[in-house]
Amino acid sequence: MEFRQMQYFLCLAQTGHVTRAARQLNIVQPALSMQIAKLEAQLGQKLFDRSARGVTLTIAGEILMRLVAPIIRDVDRVRQEMTKLDGRIAGRVSVGLINSVAQSTLANSSARVAQAFPDVELTAHEGYSETLIEWVTAGQLDTAFINKPRRKLSLTMEVVLNEEMVLACRSSSAPGIPSKLAFEHLSRQDLVLPSRRHGLRTILDDRAAEAKIELRPRLEMDTLTAICDVVSTTNLVTVLPSIALQHALTAGRVRAFPFRDRSITRSVVMISHPHRTTTPAARAVAAVFRQDALAAAAAASQYVGTARIRHRRISAQRG
C-alpha cells in the first residue's frame, strides 16, 4: 500500500463523493477511482459502497480508516515539526465543532486562520458531540469543541466556556413569558426544540427531570438556524445557548429571556487525544476557535441582558 493511496482513500472517506475528493486532492476523477480500485484489489476487500449520491464506507473500509487516519496524522506531524526549524506554522489541521458553536464561529475563525497562517491547511467538520468524540479518538480530528459529556472520557478535556441557556421568542411578542422566568414555565409553552439525539436536548431533558416536568415540543429539528427561523416567524419558543441565537439576536429577529437564578447552563469543552502530539498548527487553530467562541458567547449574552431590561419595562407599563 502506497502512502498516496492512503491519502486518497482517507480524503474520499471523509468527503463521501468522488468529485469533491478529486477536487480537494487536485487530481482528475479517473485517477482517484483507479487508485481506489487498485487499493481494493491489493487488500482483497471492497472499501466503498457506491450510489448515485456518493460513496459510503463498508465494514472493511471503516476498519481501514481507523488504521490509516493515525498514520496520515503522524506523517503530517513530522512535516510540521520540520517546519518549526524555520519558524513557520504550517501543516494540516482538522477541527470538529458542534453546530451551536460552528454557526457563530466557523466562518470568522476560518477566515482568521487563513489570513494569519497561510501555510496551514484547515479542515472543519460539524457533528454531534458523540460523533466528534469518536473522530478524535480515532485520530481523524486534531481537536474538537463539544458539549461537556456526562461520562468520563479517555481524552484530554479543557473547558472553553460555561454558557447560560435562555428562552427565545419572536421579537415582536413575548407570549405568556413571566418577568421572573422559571424552568417549570416551559411546560406551558409551545416549544420547538432539538431532537433527543442532540446534546442540547439531553441537557434540557435532564433539567426537566429535575424539575419533574415533561417537555412536549410541537416541533423537533436539529438544525439550530432552522429553529431560529421558526421562532422568528411564529409564536413558538425555544431554549438554546445564547451563542446559538447570536445572529438572530443581532438582527433583531428574536428576543431572549434568562431563567431565574440561571437554572440551566451548558459547558463547551475542547478535546484532544492525550497520546498524540499536538502540533503548533493545531494549537494555533484551536486558540483562534476558542477566542471566537468566547467572543460570540459574550456578544450574545449582552442581548439577553437587553431583552431582560426591555421585558421588565413592558411588564411595568402593562401594570
C-alpha atoms as a PDB file:
ATOM      1  CA  MET A   1       0.000   0.000   0.000  1.00  0.00           C
ATOM      2  CA  GLU A   2       1.420   3.377  -1.026  1.00  0.00           C
ATOM      3  CA  PHE A   3       1.185   6.480   1.150  1.00  0.00           C
ATOM      4  CA  ARG A   4      -0.530   8.282  -1.735  1.00  0.00           C
ATOM      5  CA  GLN A   5      -3.238   5.614  -1.801  1.00  0.00           C
ATOM      6  CA  MET A   6      -3.838   6.079   1.918  1.00  0.00           C
ATOM      7  CA  GLN A   7      -4.228   9.829   1.375  1.00  0.00           C
ATOM      8  CA  TYR A   8      -6.668   9.284  -1.493  1.00  0.00           C
ATOM      9  CA  PHE A   9      -8.654   6.732   0.492  1.00  0.00           C
ATOM     10  CA  LEU A  10      -8.903   8.973   3.561  1.00  0.00           C
ATOM     11  CA  CYS A  11      -9.980  12.007   1.540  1.00  0.00           C
ATOM     12  CA  LEU A  12     -12.696  10.037  -0.263  1.00  0.00           C
ATOM     13  CA  ALA A  13     -13.904   8.547   3.016  1.00  0.00           C
ATOM     14  CA  GLN A  14     -14.181  11.992   4.600  1.00  0.00           C
ATOM     15  CA  THR A  15     -15.892  13.730   1.664  1.00  0.00           C
ATOM     16  CA  GLY A  16     -18.116  10.821   0.609  1.00  0.00           C
ATOM     17  CA  HIS A  17     -18.039  11.951  -3.013  1.00  0.00           C
ATOM     18  CA  VAL A  18     -15.564  11.234  -5.801  1.00  0.00           C
ATOM     19  CA  THR A  19     -15.899  14.654  -7.447  1.00  0.00           C
ATOM     20  CA  ARG A  20     -15.325  16.599  -4.230  1.00  0.00           C
ATOM     21  CA  ALA A  21     -12.430  14.349  -3.202  1.00  0.00           C
ATOM     22  CA  ALA A  22     -10.721  14.689  -6.580  1.00  0.00           C
ATOM     23  CA  ARG A  23     -11.106  18.470  -6.430  1.00  0.00           C
ATOM     24  CA  GLN A  24      -9.662  18.580  -2.918  1.00  0.00           C
ATOM     25  CA  LEU A  25      -6.742  16.365  -3.950  1.00  0.00           C
ATOM     26  CA  ASN A  26      -6.227  18.404  -7.135  1.00  0.00           C
ATOM     27  CA  ILE A  27      -6.397  15.336  -9.391  1.00  0.00           C
ATOM     28  CA  VAL A  28      -8.827  14.115 -12.041  1.00  0.00           C
ATOM     29  CA  GLN A  29     -11.631  11.734 -11.070  1.00  0.00           C
ATOM     30  CA  PRO A  30     -10.394   8.760 -13.158  1.00  0.00           C
ATOM     31  CA  ALA A  31      -7.017   8.893 -11.394  1.00  0.00           C
ATOM     32  CA  LEU A  32      -8.709   8.802  -7.994  1.00  0.00           C
ATOM     33  CA  SER A  33     -11.040   5.958  -8.996  1.00  0.00           C
ATOM     34  CA  MET A  34      -8.113   3.981 -10.406  1.00  0.00           C
ATOM     35  CA  GLN A  35      -6.070   4.280  -7.204  1.00  0.00           C
ATOM     36  CA  ILE A  36      -9.032   3.261  -5.038  1.00  0.00           C
ATOM     37  CA  ALA A  37      -9.730   0.255  -7.277  1.00  0.00           C
ATOM     38  CA  LYS A  38      -6.047  -0.674  -7.107  1.00  0.00           C
ATOM     39  CA  LEU A  39      -6.112  -0.420  -3.307  1.00  0.00           C
ATOM     40  CA  GLU A  40      -9.214  -2.626  -3.077  1.00  0.00           C
ATOM     41  CA  ALA A  41      -7.534  -5.210  -5.313  1.00  0.00           C
ATOM     42  CA  GLN A  42      -4.372  -5.183  -3.195  1.00  0.00           C
ATOM     43  CA  LEU A  43      -6.308  -5.664   0.031  1.00  0.00           C
ATOM     44  CA  GLY A  44      -8.846  -8.060  -1.427  1.00  0.00           C
ATOM     45  CA  GLN A  45     -11.665  -6.075   0.172  1.00  0.00           C
ATOM     46  CA  LYS A  46     -14.419  -3.794  -1.060  1.00  0.00           C
ATOM     47  CA  LEU A  47     -13.878  -0.487   0.730  1.00  0.00           C
ATOM     48  CA  PHE A  48     -16.791   1.613  -0.536  1.00  0.00           C
ATOM     49  CA  ASP A  49     -20.426   1.137  -1.440  1.00  0.00           C
ATOM     50  CA  ARG A  50     -21.254   3.285  -4.480  1.00  0.00           C
ATOM     51  CA  SER A  51     -24.555   5.023  -5.183  1.00  0.00           C
ATOM     52  CA  ALA A  52     -25.836   7.991  -7.183  1.00  0.00           C
ATOM     53  CA  ARG A  53     -25.475  10.194  -4.092  1.00  0.00           C
ATOM     54  CA  GLY A  54     -21.832   9.299  -3.437  1.00  0.00           C
ATOM     55  CA  VAL A  55     -19.895   6.642  -1.566  1.00  0.00           C
ATOM     56  CA  THR A  56     -20.080   5.184   1.936  1.00  0.00           C
ATOM     57  CA  LEU A  57     -17.581   3.025   3.776  1.00  0.00           C
ATOM     58  CA  THR A  58     -18.068  -0.713   4.028  1.00  0.00           C
ATOM     59  CA  ILE A  59     -17.155  -2.507   7.254  1.00  0.00           C
ATOM     60  CA  ALA A  60     -13.695  -3.172   5.787  1.00  0.00           C
ATOM     61  CA  GLY A  61     -13.460   0.489   4.824  1.00  0.00           C
ATOM     62  CA  GLU A  62     -14.316   1.625   8.344  1.00  0.00           C
ATOM     63  CA  ILE A  63     -11.612  -0.634   9.782  1.00  0.00           C
ATOM     64  CA  LEU A  64      -9.063   0.657   7.275  1.00  0.00           C
ATOM     65  CA  MET A  65      -9.990   4.245   8.054  1.00  0.00           C
ATOM     66  CA  ARG A  66      -9.320   3.706  11.758  1.00  0.00           C
ATOM     67  CA  LEU A  67      -5.906   2.287  10.877  1.00  0.00           C
ATOM     68  CA  VAL A  68      -4.938   4.800   8.187  1.00  0.00           C
ATOM     69  CA  ALA A  69      -6.017   8.060   9.829  1.00  0.00           C
ATOM     70  CA  PRO A  70      -3.366   7.971  12.602  1.00  0.00           C
ATOM     71  CA  ILE A  71      -0.644   7.167  10.039  1.00  0.00           C
ATOM     72  CA  ILE A  72      -1.555  10.210   7.951  1.00  0.00           C
ATOM     73  CA  ARG A  73      -1.635  12.342  11.088  1.00  0.00           C
ATOM     74  CA  ASP A  74       1.805  11.108  12.191  1.00  0.00           C
ATOM     75  CA  VAL A  75       3.351  11.903   8.803  1.00  0.00           C
ATOM     76  CA  ASP A  76       1.768  15.372   8.871  1.00  0.00           C
ATOM     77  CA  ARG A  77       3.210  15.947  12.330  1.00  0.00           C
ATOM     78  CA  VAL A  78       6.686  15.000  11.113  1.00  0.00           C
ATOM     79  CA  ARG A  79       6.374  17.593   8.354  1.00  0.00           C
ATOM     80  CA  GLN A  80       5.121  20.203  10.794  1.00  0.00           C
ATOM     81  CA  GLU A  81       7.947  19.547  13.214  1.00  0.00           C
ATOM     82  CA  MET A  82      10.386  20.136  10.370  1.00  0.00           C
ATOM     83  CA  THR A  83       8.730  23.467   9.520  1.00  0.00           C
ATOM     84  CA  LYS A  84       9.321  24.591  13.114  1.00  0.00           C
ATOM     85  CA  LEU A  85      13.012  24.779  12.269  1.00  0.00           C
ATOM     86  CA  ASP A  86      12.403  27.854  10.127  1.00  0.00           C
ATOM     87  CA  GLY A  87       9.789  29.361  12.471  1.00  0.00           C
ATOM     88  CA  ARG A  88       6.760  28.750  10.236  1.00  0.00           C
ATOM     89  CA  ILE A  89       3.410  27.415  11.445  1.00  0.00           C
ATOM     90  CA  ALA A  90       2.293  25.015   8.753  1.00  0.00           C
ATOM     91  CA  GLY A  91       0.583  21.712   8.137  1.00  0.00           C
ATOM     92  CA  ARG A  92      -2.844  20.118   8.062  1.00  0.00           C
ATOM     93  CA  VAL A  93      -5.283  20.648  10.908  1.00  0.00           C
ATOM     94  CA  SER A  94      -8.711  19.056  11.328  1.00  0.00           C
ATOM     95  CA  VAL A  95     -11.091  20.547  13.864  1.00  0.00           C
ATOM     96  CA  GLY A  96     -14.584  19.423  14.832  1.00  0.00           C
ATOM     97  CA  LEU A  97     -17.402  21.667  16.043  1.00  0.00           C
ATOM     98  CA  ILE A  98     -20.869  21.105  17.403  1.00  0.00           C
ATOM     99  CA  ASN A  99     -23.464  23.059  15.428  1.00  0.00           C
ATOM    100  CA  SER A 100     -24.218  25.597  18.155  1.00  0.00           C
ATOM    101  CA  VAL A 101     -20.576  26.707  18.135  1.00  0.00           C
ATOM    102  CA  ALA A 102     -19.973  26.328  14.406  1.00  0.00           C
ATOM    103  CA  GLN A 103     -22.771  28.617  13.278  1.00  0.00           C
ATOM    104  CA  SER A 104     -21.344  31.528  15.278  1.00  0.00           C
ATOM    105  CA  THR A 105     -17.614  30.945  14.816  1.00  0.00           C
ATOM    106  CA  LEU A 106     -16.818  28.796  11.779  1.00  0.00           C
ATOM    107  CA  ALA A 107     -16.839  31.471   9.066  1.00  0.00           C
ATOM    108  CA  ASN A 108     -14.955  34.084  11.081  1.00  0.00           C
ATOM    109  CA  SER A 109     -12.475  31.651  12.610  1.00  0.00           C
ATOM    110  CA  SER A 110     -11.671  30.002   9.275  1.00  0.00           C
ATOM    111  CA  ALA A 111     -11.052  33.393   7.687  1.00  0.00           C
ATOM    112  CA  ARG A 112      -8.776  34.403  10.558  1.00  0.00           C
ATOM    113  CA  VAL A 113      -6.787  31.168  10.272  1.00  0.00           C
ATOM    114  CA  ALA A 114      -6.401  31.612   6.502  1.00  0.00           C
ATOM    115  CA  GLN A 115      -5.114  35.150   6.959  1.00  0.00           C
ATOM    116  CA  ALA A 116      -2.856  34.581   9.962  1.00  0.00           C
ATOM    117  CA  PHE A 117      -1.471  31.173   8.964  1.00  0.00           C
ATOM    118  CA  PRO A 118      -1.299  30.895   5.155  1.00  0.00           C
ATOM    119  CA  ASP A 119       0.684  27.639   5.336  1.00  0.00           C
ATOM    120  CA  VAL A 120      -1.999  25.844   7.380  1.00  0.00           C
ATOM    121  CA  GLU A 121      -4.468  23.584   5.564  1.00  0.00           C
ATOM    122  CA  LEU A 122      -7.638  23.658   7.665  1.00  0.00           C
ATOM    123  CA  THR A 123     -10.479  21.151   7.516  1.00  0.00           C
ATOM    124  CA  ALA A 124     -13.522  21.801   9.716  1.00  0.00           C
ATOM    125  CA  HIS A 125     -16.279  19.292  10.433  1.00  0.00           C
ATOM    126  CA  GLU A 126     -19.660  19.790  12.103  1.00  0.00           C
ATOM    127  CA  GLY A 127     -21.215  16.948  14.064  1.00  0.00           C
ATOM    128  CA  TYR A 128     -22.851  15.732  17.238  1.00  0.00           C
ATOM    129  CA  SER A 129     -20.685  15.543  20.334  1.00  0.00           C
ATOM    130  CA  GLU A 130     -20.578  11.728  20.350  1.00  0.00           C
ATOM    131  CA  THR A 131     -19.512  11.622  16.698  1.00  0.00           C
ATOM    132  CA  LEU A 132     -16.740  14.146  17.282  1.00  0.00           C
ATOM    133  CA  ILE A 133     -15.524  12.169  20.306  1.00  0.00           C
ATOM    134  CA  GLU A 134     -15.217   9.079  18.100  1.00  0.00           C
ATOM    135  CA  TRP A 135     -13.291  11.008  15.441  1.00  0.00           C
ATOM    136  CA  VAL A 136     -10.820  12.481  17.935  1.00  0.00           C
ATOM    137  CA  THR A 137     -10.317   9.034  19.472  1.00  0.00           C
ATOM    138  CA  ALA A 138      -9.687   7.513  16.022  1.00  0.00           C
ATOM    139  CA  GLY A 139      -7.212  10.241  15.061  1.00  0.00           C
ATOM    140  CA  GLN A 140      -9.418  11.744  12.357  1.00  0.00           C
ATOM    141  CA  LEU A 141      -9.547  15.100  14.169  1.00  0.00           C
ATOM    142  CA  ASP A 142      -6.801  17.027  15.952  1.00  0.00           C
ATOM    143  CA  THR A 143      -9.275  18.672  18.300  1.00  0.00           C
ATOM    144  CA  ALA A 144     -12.993  19.216  18.710  1.00  0.00           C
ATOM    145  CA  PHE A 145     -15.349  21.560  20.542  1.00  0.00           C
ATOM    146  CA  ILE A 146     -18.248  19.640  22.095  1.00  0.00           C
ATOM    147  CA  ASN A 147     -20.847  19.783  24.840  1.00  0.00           C
ATOM    148  CA  LYS A 148     -19.288  18.502  28.050  1.00  0.00           C
ATOM    149  CA  PRO A 149     -20.251  14.833  28.265  1.00  0.00           C
ATOM    150  CA  ARG A 150     -21.737  13.303  31.394  1.00  0.00           C
ATOM    151  CA  ARG A 151     -19.465  10.271  31.124  1.00  0.00           C
ATOM    152  CA  LYS A 152     -15.718  10.240  31.740  1.00  0.00           C
ATOM    153  CA  LEU A 153     -13.570  10.335  28.607  1.00  0.00           C
ATOM    154  CA  SER A 154     -10.123   8.910  27.943  1.00  0.00           C
ATOM    155  CA  LEU A 155      -9.343  12.175  26.116  1.00  0.00           C
ATOM    156  CA  THR A 156      -7.792  15.430  27.243  1.00  0.00           C
ATOM    157  CA  MET A 157     -10.631  17.835  28.031  1.00  0.00           C
ATOM    158  CA  GLU A 158     -10.431  21.574  28.680  1.00  0.00           C
ATOM    159  CA  VAL A 159     -13.404  23.819  29.483  1.00  0.00           C
ATOM    160  CA  VAL A 160     -13.831  26.615  26.939  1.00  0.00           C
ATOM    161  CA  LEU A 161     -16.947  28.321  28.293  1.00  0.00           C
ATOM    162  CA  ASN A 162     -19.891  27.856  30.627  1.00  0.00           C
ATOM    163  CA  GLU A 163     -22.951  29.304  28.995  1.00  0.00           C
ATOM    164  CA  GLU A 164     -26.439  30.155  30.146  1.00  0.00           C
ATOM    165  CA  MET A 165     -29.307  28.668  28.150  1.00  0.00           C
ATOM    166  CA  VAL A 166     -32.147  31.103  27.516  1.00  0.00           C
ATOM    167  CA  LEU A 167     -35.698  31.149  26.244  1.00  0.00           C
ATOM    168  CA  ALA A 168     -36.141  32.831  22.867  1.00  0.00           C
ATOM    169  CA  CYS A 169     -39.282  34.066  21.128  1.00  0.00           C
ATOM    170  CA  ARG A 170     -40.258  36.239  18.177  1.00  0.00           C
ATOM    171  CA  SER A 171     -39.023  39.817  18.610  1.00  0.00           C
ATOM    172  CA  SER A 172     -42.498  41.322  18.162  1.00  0.00           C
ATOM    173  CA  SER A 173     -44.077  39.430  21.068  1.00  0.00           C
ATOM    174  CA  ALA A 174     -43.436  37.698  24.351  1.00  0.00           C
ATOM    175  CA  PRO A 175     -46.426  35.363  24.665  1.00  0.00           C
ATOM    176  CA  GLY A 176     -47.106  34.488  28.294  1.00  0.00           C
ATOM    177  CA  ILE A 177     -43.478  34.838  29.429  1.00  0.00           C
ATOM    178  CA  PRO A 178     -43.272  35.992  33.052  1.00  0.00           C
ATOM    179  CA  SER A 179     -40.714  38.587  34.125  1.00  0.00           C
ATOM    180  CA  LYS A 180     -39.228  36.084  36.582  1.00  0.00           C
ATOM    181  CA  LEU A 181     -38.920  33.077  34.328  1.00  0.00           C
ATOM    182  CA  ALA A 182     -38.594  29.637  35.932  1.00  0.00           C
ATOM    183  CA  PHE A 183     -37.744  26.473  34.051  1.00  0.00           C
ATOM    184  CA  GLU A 184     -41.085  24.995  35.095  1.00  0.00           C
ATOM    185  CA  HIS A 185     -42.863  27.583  32.921  1.00  0.00           C
ATOM    186  CA  LEU A 186     -41.736  25.640  29.828  1.00  0.00           C
ATOM    187  CA  SER A 187     -44.496  23.112  30.414  1.00  0.00           C
ATOM    188  CA  ARG A 188     -46.964  25.845  29.386  1.00  0.00           C
ATOM    189  CA  GLN A 189     -45.099  26.988  26.265  1.00  0.00           C
ATOM    190  CA  ASP A 190     -45.390  25.912  22.618  1.00  0.00           C
ATOM    191  CA  LEU A 191     -41.874  24.685  22.034  1.00  0.00           C
ATOM    192  CA  VAL A 192     -39.581  23.936  19.097  1.00  0.00           C
ATOM    193  CA  LEU A 193     -36.521  22.005  20.303  1.00  0.00           C
ATOM    194  CA  PRO A 194     -33.677  19.816  19.035  1.00  0.00           C
ATOM    195  CA  SER A 195     -34.467  16.097  18.870  1.00  0.00           C
ATOM    196  CA  ARG A 196     -33.406  13.651  21.561  1.00  0.00           C
ATOM    197  CA  ARG A 197     -30.242  12.643  19.713  1.00  0.00           C
ATOM    198  CA  HIS A 198     -28.946  16.209  20.079  1.00  0.00           C
ATOM    199  CA  GLY A 199     -26.678  17.076  23.011  1.00  0.00           C
ATOM    200  CA  LEU A 200     -28.626  20.226  23.855  1.00  0.00           C
ATOM    201  CA  ARG A 201     -31.855  18.248  24.141  1.00  0.00           C
ATOM    202  CA  THR A 202     -30.145  15.897  26.594  1.00  0.00           C
ATOM    203  CA  ILE A 203     -29.313  18.881  28.797  1.00  0.00           C
ATOM    204  CA  LEU A 204     -32.910  20.104  28.622  1.00  0.00           C
ATOM    205  CA  ASP A 205     -34.418  16.700  29.361  1.00  0.00           C
ATOM    206  CA  ASP A 206     -32.108  16.195  32.351  1.00  0.00           C
ATOM    207  CA  ARG A 207     -33.135  19.575  33.740  1.00  0.00           C
ATOM    208  CA  ALA A 208     -36.814  18.788  33.093  1.00  0.00           C
ATOM    209  CA  ALA A 209     -36.468  15.547  35.045  1.00  0.00           C
ATOM    210  CA  GLU A 210     -35.041  17.512  37.970  1.00  0.00           C
ATOM    211  CA  ALA A 211     -37.969  19.940  37.775  1.00  0.00           C
ATOM    212  CA  LYS A 212     -40.403  16.992  37.477  1.00  0.00           C
ATOM    213  CA  ILE A 213     -41.930  18.258  34.241  1.00  0.00           C
ATOM    214  CA  GLU A 214     -42.108  16.798  30.751  1.00  0.00           C
ATOM    215  CA  LEU A 215     -41.104  18.734  27.670  1.00  0.00           C
ATOM    216  CA  ARG A 216     -43.516  18.129  24.786  1.00  0.00           C
ATOM    217  CA  PRO A 217     -42.321  20.196  21.817  1.00  0.00           C
ATOM    218  CA  ARG A 218     -44.670  20.800  18.924  1.00  0.00           C
ATOM    219  CA  LEU A 219     -41.699  20.706  16.555  1.00  0.00           C
ATOM    220  CA  GLU A 220     -38.323  18.973  16.731  1.00  0.00           C
ATOM    221  CA  MET A 221     -35.404  19.803  14.424  1.00  0.00           C
ATOM    222  CA  ASP A 222     -31.652  19.524  14.808  1.00  0.00           C
ATOM    223  CA  THR A 223     -30.610  22.447  12.597  1.00  0.00           C
ATOM    224  CA  LEU A 224     -30.341  25.347  15.009  1.00  0.00           C
ATOM    225  CA  THR A 225     -30.561  28.024  12.332  1.00  0.00           C
ATOM    226  CA  ALA A 226     -33.867  26.496  11.249  1.00  0.00           C
ATOM    227  CA  ILE A 227     -35.106  26.625  14.842  1.00  0.00           C
ATOM    228  CA  CYS A 228     -34.219  30.331  14.977  1.00  0.00           C
ATOM    229  CA  ASP A 229     -36.084  30.926  11.703  1.00  0.00           C
ATOM    230  CA  VAL A 230     -39.195  29.163  13.021  1.00  0.00           C
ATOM    231  CA  VAL A 231     -39.113  31.105  16.284  1.00  0.00           C
ATOM    232  CA  SER A 232     -38.661  34.430  14.482  1.00  0.00           C
ATOM    233  CA  THR A 233     -41.767  33.897  12.322  1.00  0.00           C
ATOM    234  CA  THR A 234     -44.205  32.051  14.637  1.00  0.00           C
ATOM    235  CA  ASN A 235     -45.429  32.064  18.220  1.00  0.00           C
ATOM    236  CA  LEU A 236     -43.308  29.007  19.037  1.00  0.00           C
ATOM    237  CA  VAL A 237     -40.470  29.486  21.520  1.00  0.00           C
ATOM    238  CA  THR A 238     -37.220  27.622  22.089  1.00  0.00           C
ATOM    239  CA  VAL A 239     -34.484  27.145  24.677  1.00  0.00           C
ATOM    240  CA  LEU A 240     -30.935  27.345  23.351  1.00  0.00           C
ATOM    241  CA  PRO A 241     -27.499  28.591  24.438  1.00  0.00           C
ATOM    242  CA  SER A 242     -27.193  32.294  23.764  1.00  0.00           C
ATOM    243  CA  ILE A 243     -24.321  31.691  21.301  1.00  0.00           C
ATOM    244  CA  ALA A 244     -26.692  29.685  19.067  1.00  0.00           C
ATOM    245  CA  LEU A 245     -29.024  32.692  18.944  1.00  0.00           C
ATOM    246  CA  GLN A 246     -26.347  35.306  18.274  1.00  0.00           C
ATOM    247  CA  HIS A 247     -27.157  36.076  14.625  1.00  0.00           C
ATOM    248  CA  ALA A 248     -30.912  36.165  15.216  1.00  0.00           C
ATOM    249  CA  LEU A 249     -30.452  38.362  18.287  1.00  0.00           C
ATOM    250  CA  THR A 250     -28.111  40.741  16.464  1.00  0.00           C
ATOM    251  CA  ALA A 251     -30.551  41.034  13.555  1.00  0.00           C
ATOM    252  CA  GLY A 252     -33.400  41.765  15.961  1.00  0.00           C
ATOM    253  CA  ARG A 253     -35.424  38.757  14.783  1.00  0.00           C
ATOM    254  CA  VAL A 254     -35.745  37.147  18.224  1.00  0.00           C
ATOM    255  CA  ARG A 255     -35.707  38.176  21.860  1.00  0.00           C
ATOM    256  CA  ALA A 256     -34.073  36.153  24.615  1.00  0.00           C
ATOM    257  CA  PHE A 257     -35.005  35.832  28.278  1.00  0.00           C
ATOM    258  CA  PRO A 258     -32.859  34.392  31.074  1.00  0.00           C
ATOM    259  CA  PHE A 259     -34.195  31.857  33.522  1.00  0.00           C
ATOM    260  CA  ARG A 260     -34.429  32.862  37.154  1.00  0.00           C
ATOM    261  CA  ASP A 261     -31.201  32.063  39.034  1.00  0.00           C
ATOM    262  CA  ARG A 262     -29.629  30.808  35.786  1.00  0.00           C
ATOM    263  CA  SER A 263     -31.343  27.489  36.299  1.00  0.00           C
ATOM    264  CA  ILE A 264     -29.866  25.822  33.199  1.00  0.00           C
ATOM    265  CA  THR A 265     -26.377  26.050  31.715  1.00  0.00           C
ATOM    266  CA  ARG A 266     -24.175  24.072  29.363  1.00  0.00           C
ATOM    267  CA  SER A 267     -20.400  23.736  29.154  1.00  0.00           C
ATOM    268  CA  VAL A 268     -18.413  23.667  25.923  1.00  0.00           C
ATOM    269  CA  VAL A 269     -15.142  21.760  26.181  1.00  0.00           C
ATOM    270  CA  MET A 270     -12.209  21.282  23.835  1.00  0.00           C
ATOM    271  CA  ILE A 271     -10.988  17.702  23.482  1.00  0.00           C
ATOM    272  CA  SER A 272      -7.827  16.162  22.039  1.00  0.00           C
ATOM    273  CA  HIS A 273      -6.049  12.819  22.232  1.00  0.00           C
ATOM    274  CA  PRO A 274      -3.651  12.574  25.190  1.00  0.00           C
ATOM    275  CA  HIS A 275      -1.244  10.204  23.415  1.00  0.00           C
ATOM    276  CA  ARG A 276      -0.834  12.158  20.200  1.00  0.00           C
ATOM    277  CA  THR A 277       1.424  15.168  19.894  1.00  0.00           C
ATOM    278  CA  THR A 278      -0.427  18.438  19.427  1.00  0.00           C
ATOM    279  CA  THR A 279       1.332  20.331  16.643  1.00  0.00           C
ATOM    280  CA  PRO A 280       1.987  24.080  16.686  1.00  0.00           C
ATOM    281  CA  ALA A 281      -0.514  24.459  13.837  1.00  0.00           C
ATOM    282  CA  ALA A 282      -3.221  22.581  15.761  1.00  0.00           C
ATOM    283  CA  ARG A 283      -2.579  24.702  18.856  1.00  0.00           C
ATOM    284  CA  ALA A 284      -2.749  27.905  16.820  1.00  0.00           C
ATOM    285  CA  VAL A 285      -6.014  26.905  15.137  1.00  0.00           C
ATOM    286  CA  ALA A 286      -7.582  25.789  18.419  1.00  0.00           C
ATOM    287  CA  ALA A 287      -6.669  29.121  20.010  1.00  0.00           C
ATOM    288  CA  VAL A 288      -8.435  31.043  17.237  1.00  0.00           C
ATOM    289  CA  PHE A 289     -11.621  28.991  17.512  1.00  0.00           C
ATOM    290  CA  ARG A 290     -11.560  29.265  21.295  1.00  0.00           C
ATOM    291  CA  GLN A 291     -11.185  33.046  21.196  1.00  0.00           C
ATOM    292  CA  ASP A 292     -14.026  33.406  18.718  1.00  0.00           C
ATOM    293  CA  ALA A 293     -16.321  31.109  20.706  1.00  0.00           C
ATOM    294  CA  LEU A 294     -15.764  33.190  23.840  1.00  0.00           C
ATOM    295  CA  ALA A 295     -16.312  36.420  21.918  1.00  0.00           C
ATOM    296  CA  ALA A 296     -19.532  35.142  20.311  1.00  0.00           C
ATOM    297  CA  ALA A 297     -20.918  33.976  23.656  1.00  0.00           C
ATOM    298  CA  ALA A 298     -20.090  37.327  25.281  1.00  0.00           C
ATOM    299  CA  ALA A 299     -21.720  39.263  22.435  1.00  0.00           C
ATOM    300  CA  ALA A 300     -24.865  37.150  22.581  1.00  0.00           C
ATOM    301  CA  SER A 301     -25.167  37.456  26.369  1.00  0.00           C
ATOM    302  CA  GLN A 302     -25.323  41.253  26.035  1.00  0.00           C
ATOM    303  CA  TYR A 303     -28.522  40.930  24.004  1.00  0.00           C
ATOM    304  CA  VAL A 304     -30.018  38.620  26.615  1.00  0.00           C
ATOM    305  CA  GLY A 305     -29.459  41.334  29.223  1.00  0.00           C
ATOM    306  CA  THR A 306     -31.067  43.899  26.919  1.00  0.00           C
ATOM    307  CA  ALA A 307     -34.065  41.634  26.413  1.00  0.00           C
ATOM    308  CA  ARG A 308     -34.424  41.244  30.179  1.00  0.00           C
ATOM    309  CA  ILE A 309     -34.497  45.012  30.751  1.00  0.00           C
ATOM    310  CA  ARG A 310     -36.916  45.612  27.858  1.00  0.00           C
ATOM    311  CA  HIS A 311     -39.275  42.911  29.096  1.00  0.00           C
ATOM    312  CA  ARG A 312     -39.347  44.367  32.596  1.00  0.00           C
ATOM    313  CA  ARG A 313     -40.219  47.794  31.190  1.00  0.00           C
ATOM    314  CA  ILE A 314     -43.049  46.365  29.094  1.00  0.00           C
ATOM    315  CA  SER A 315     -44.398  44.448  32.105  1.00  0.00           C
ATOM    316  CA  ALA A 316     -44.278  47.603  34.233  1.00  0.00           C
ATOM    317  CA  GLN A 317     -46.125  49.619  31.579  1.00  0.00           C
ATOM    318  CA  ARG A 318     -48.851  46.972  31.365  1.00  0.00           C
ATOM    319  CA  GLY A 319     -49.160  47.005  35.155  1.00  0.00           C
END
